[in-house]
């Protein structure tokens, strides 16, 4: 489940970084401090998204049924 969340969240952050940060600021109570480094920095958010997707894929590859 964590891998799925990481991949999906990373994909949204990669494709729409400004909107993604805004959603976490406004609708995820208490998460504002997590997205603060990305406010106004879409390139940084995209770089983090790539790392997030890679980590999610690596995690998914390690899981066994």
N, C-alpha and C. Protein backbone atom coordinates (compact mmCIF):
# COMPACT_ATOMS: atom_id res chain seq x y z
N UNK A 1 0.82 -1.19 0.00
CA UNK A 1 0.00 0.00 0.00
C UNK A 1 0.87 1.26 0.00
N UNK A 2 1.95 1.23 0.76
CA UNK A 2 2.84 2.39 0.81
C UNK A 2 3.46 2.65 -0.55
N UNK A 3 3.84 1.59 -1.26
CA UNK A 3 4.44 1.75 -2.59
C UNK A 3 3.44 2.41 -3.54
N UNK A 4 2.20 1.99 -3.49
CA UNK A 4 1.17 2.56 -4.36
C UNK A 4 1.00 4.04 -4.07
N UNK A 5 0.96 4.41 -2.80
CA UNK A 5 0.83 5.81 -2.43
C UNK A 5 2.03 6.61 -2.92
N UNK A 6 3.23 6.09 -2.73
CA UNK A 6 4.44 6.81 -3.13
C UNK A 6 4.48 7.05 -4.63
N UNK A 7 4.12 6.02 -5.39
CA UNK A 7 4.14 6.16 -6.85
C UNK A 7 3.08 7.15 -7.31
N UNK A 8 1.87 7.03 -6.81
CA UNK A 8 0.79 7.93 -7.21
C UNK A 8 1.04 9.37 -6.79
N UNK A 9 1.46 9.56 -5.58
CA UNK A 9 1.74 10.90 -5.09
C UNK A 9 2.91 11.52 -5.86
N UNK A 10 3.91 10.70 -6.13
CA UNK A 10 5.06 11.19 -6.90
C UNK A 10 4.67 11.57 -8.32
N UNK A 11 3.80 10.79 -8.94
CA UNK A 11 3.36 11.10 -10.29
C UNK A 11 2.60 12.42 -10.35
N UNK A 12 1.72 12.63 -9.38
CA UNK A 12 1.00 13.91 -9.33
C UNK A 12 1.96 15.08 -9.10
N UNK A 13 2.94 14.88 -8.23
CA UNK A 13 3.93 15.92 -7.97
C UNK A 13 4.80 16.21 -9.18
N UNK A 14 5.04 15.21 -9.99
CA UNK A 14 5.85 15.38 -11.19
C UNK A 14 5.08 16.13 -12.27
N UNK A 15 3.82 15.79 -12.46
CA UNK A 15 3.04 16.38 -13.54
C UNK A 15 2.45 17.75 -13.19
N UNK A 16 2.07 17.95 -11.95
CA UNK A 16 1.43 19.20 -11.54
C UNK A 16 2.00 19.66 -10.19
N UNK A 17 3.27 20.06 -10.17
CA UNK A 17 3.90 20.35 -8.88
C UNK A 17 3.25 21.48 -8.09
N UNK A 18 2.87 22.56 -8.73
CA UNK A 18 2.27 23.69 -7.99
C UNK A 18 0.92 23.30 -7.40
N UNK A 19 0.10 22.64 -8.20
CA UNK A 19 -1.23 22.22 -7.73
C UNK A 19 -1.09 21.18 -6.61
N UNK A 20 -0.16 20.28 -6.78
CA UNK A 20 0.04 19.24 -5.78
C UNK A 20 0.44 19.83 -4.43
N UNK A 21 1.36 20.78 -4.44
CA UNK A 21 1.78 21.43 -3.19
C UNK A 21 0.60 22.19 -2.58
N UNK A 22 -0.17 22.88 -3.42
CA UNK A 22 -1.32 23.64 -2.92
C UNK A 22 -2.35 22.71 -2.26
N UNK A 23 -2.57 21.55 -2.83
CA UNK A 23 -3.53 20.60 -2.24
C UNK A 23 -3.05 20.14 -0.87
N UNK A 24 -1.77 19.85 -0.73
CA UNK A 24 -1.24 19.42 0.56
C UNK A 24 -1.27 20.56 1.57
N UNK A 25 -1.12 21.79 1.12
CA UNK A 25 -1.15 22.93 2.04
C UNK A 25 -2.55 23.16 2.58
N UNK A 26 -3.55 23.03 1.72
CA UNK A 26 -4.90 23.42 2.08
C UNK A 26 -5.75 22.28 2.64
N UNK A 27 -5.53 21.06 2.18
CA UNK A 27 -6.48 20.00 2.49
C UNK A 27 -5.90 18.84 3.29
N UNK A 28 -4.69 18.96 3.74
CA UNK A 28 -4.09 17.89 4.53
C UNK A 28 -3.67 18.47 5.88
N UNK A 29 -4.63 18.67 6.72
CA UNK A 29 -4.39 19.30 8.01
C UNK A 29 -3.11 18.84 8.69
N UNK A 30 -2.25 19.77 8.98
CA UNK A 30 -1.01 19.48 9.67
C UNK A 30 0.17 19.18 8.76
N UNK A 31 -0.04 19.11 7.46
CA UNK A 31 1.04 18.76 6.53
C UNK A 31 1.71 19.98 5.92
N UNK A 32 1.31 21.16 6.31
CA UNK A 32 1.88 22.37 5.71
C UNK A 32 3.39 22.42 5.85
N UNK A 33 3.91 22.01 6.98
CA UNK A 33 5.35 22.07 7.20
C UNK A 33 6.10 21.09 6.31
N UNK A 34 5.42 20.01 5.88
CA UNK A 34 6.06 19.04 4.99
C UNK A 34 6.28 19.59 3.58
N UNK A 35 5.36 20.42 3.12
CA UNK A 35 5.46 20.94 1.75
C UNK A 35 6.09 22.32 1.68
N UNK A 36 6.37 22.92 2.80
CA UNK A 36 6.95 24.27 2.82
C UNK A 36 8.20 24.41 1.94
N UNK A 37 9.13 23.43 1.93
CA UNK A 37 10.32 23.59 1.08
C UNK A 37 10.01 23.63 -0.42
N UNK A 38 8.83 23.17 -0.81
CA UNK A 38 8.47 23.09 -2.22
C UNK A 38 7.64 24.28 -2.72
N UNK A 39 7.18 25.12 -1.83
CA UNK A 39 6.35 26.25 -2.21
C UNK A 39 7.16 27.18 -3.12
N UNK A 40 6.64 27.42 -4.32
CA UNK A 40 7.30 28.29 -5.27
C UNK A 40 8.54 27.68 -5.92
N UNK A 41 8.73 26.39 -5.74
CA UNK A 41 9.91 25.71 -6.30
C UNK A 41 9.50 24.43 -7.01
N UNK A 42 8.82 24.57 -8.16
CA UNK A 42 8.32 23.38 -8.87
C UNK A 42 9.41 22.42 -9.32
N UNK A 43 10.59 22.93 -9.65
CA UNK A 43 11.68 22.04 -10.08
C UNK A 43 12.13 21.14 -8.93
N UNK A 44 12.20 21.69 -7.73
CA UNK A 44 12.56 20.90 -6.56
C UNK A 44 11.49 19.83 -6.31
N UNK A 45 10.24 20.21 -6.45
CA UNK A 45 9.15 19.24 -6.24
C UNK A 45 9.22 18.12 -7.27
N UNK A 46 9.53 18.48 -8.51
CA UNK A 46 9.65 17.45 -9.55
C UNK A 46 10.81 16.51 -9.26
N UNK A 47 11.93 17.04 -8.80
CA UNK A 47 13.07 16.20 -8.46
C UNK A 47 12.72 15.24 -7.32
N UNK A 48 12.02 15.76 -6.33
CA UNK A 48 11.58 14.91 -5.22
C UNK A 48 10.60 13.85 -5.72
N UNK A 49 9.74 14.23 -6.66
CA UNK A 49 8.77 13.29 -7.21
C UNK A 49 9.45 12.12 -7.90
N UNK A 50 10.51 12.40 -8.66
CA UNK A 50 11.25 11.33 -9.33
C UNK A 50 11.83 10.37 -8.29
N UNK A 51 12.41 10.91 -7.23
CA UNK A 51 12.95 10.08 -6.16
C UNK A 51 11.85 9.28 -5.47
N UNK A 52 10.71 9.91 -5.28
CA UNK A 52 9.57 9.25 -4.63
C UNK A 52 9.05 8.09 -5.48
N UNK A 53 8.94 8.30 -6.78
CA UNK A 53 8.49 7.25 -7.68
C UNK A 53 9.49 6.10 -7.69
N UNK A 54 10.77 6.42 -7.79
CA UNK A 54 11.81 5.38 -7.79
C UNK A 54 11.77 4.56 -6.49
N UNK A 55 11.62 5.22 -5.37
CA UNK A 55 11.55 4.52 -4.09
C UNK A 55 10.30 3.65 -4.02
N UNK A 56 9.19 4.15 -4.51
CA UNK A 56 7.95 3.37 -4.53
C UNK A 56 8.07 2.14 -5.41
N UNK A 57 8.70 2.28 -6.57
CA UNK A 57 8.90 1.14 -7.46
C UNK A 57 9.84 0.12 -6.84
N UNK A 58 10.90 0.59 -6.19
CA UNK A 58 11.83 -0.31 -5.51
C UNK A 58 11.13 -1.07 -4.39
N UNK A 59 10.31 -0.38 -3.64
CA UNK A 59 9.56 -1.02 -2.56
C UNK A 59 8.59 -2.06 -3.12
N UNK A 60 7.89 -1.71 -4.18
CA UNK A 60 6.94 -2.64 -4.79
C UNK A 60 7.65 -3.88 -5.34
N UNK A 61 8.83 -3.70 -5.89
CA UNK A 61 9.58 -4.82 -6.44
C UNK A 61 10.03 -5.80 -5.37
N UNK A 62 10.20 -5.34 -4.16
CA UNK A 62 10.66 -6.19 -3.06
C UNK A 62 9.53 -6.97 -2.40
N UNK A 63 8.30 -6.58 -2.64
CA UNK A 63 7.16 -7.22 -1.98
C UNK A 63 6.86 -8.58 -2.59
N UNK A 64 6.47 -9.47 -1.78
CA UNK A 64 6.12 -10.84 -2.21
C UNK A 64 4.65 -11.10 -1.89
N UNK A 65 3.98 -11.86 -2.75
CA UNK A 65 2.56 -12.20 -2.48
C UNK A 65 2.39 -13.11 -1.28
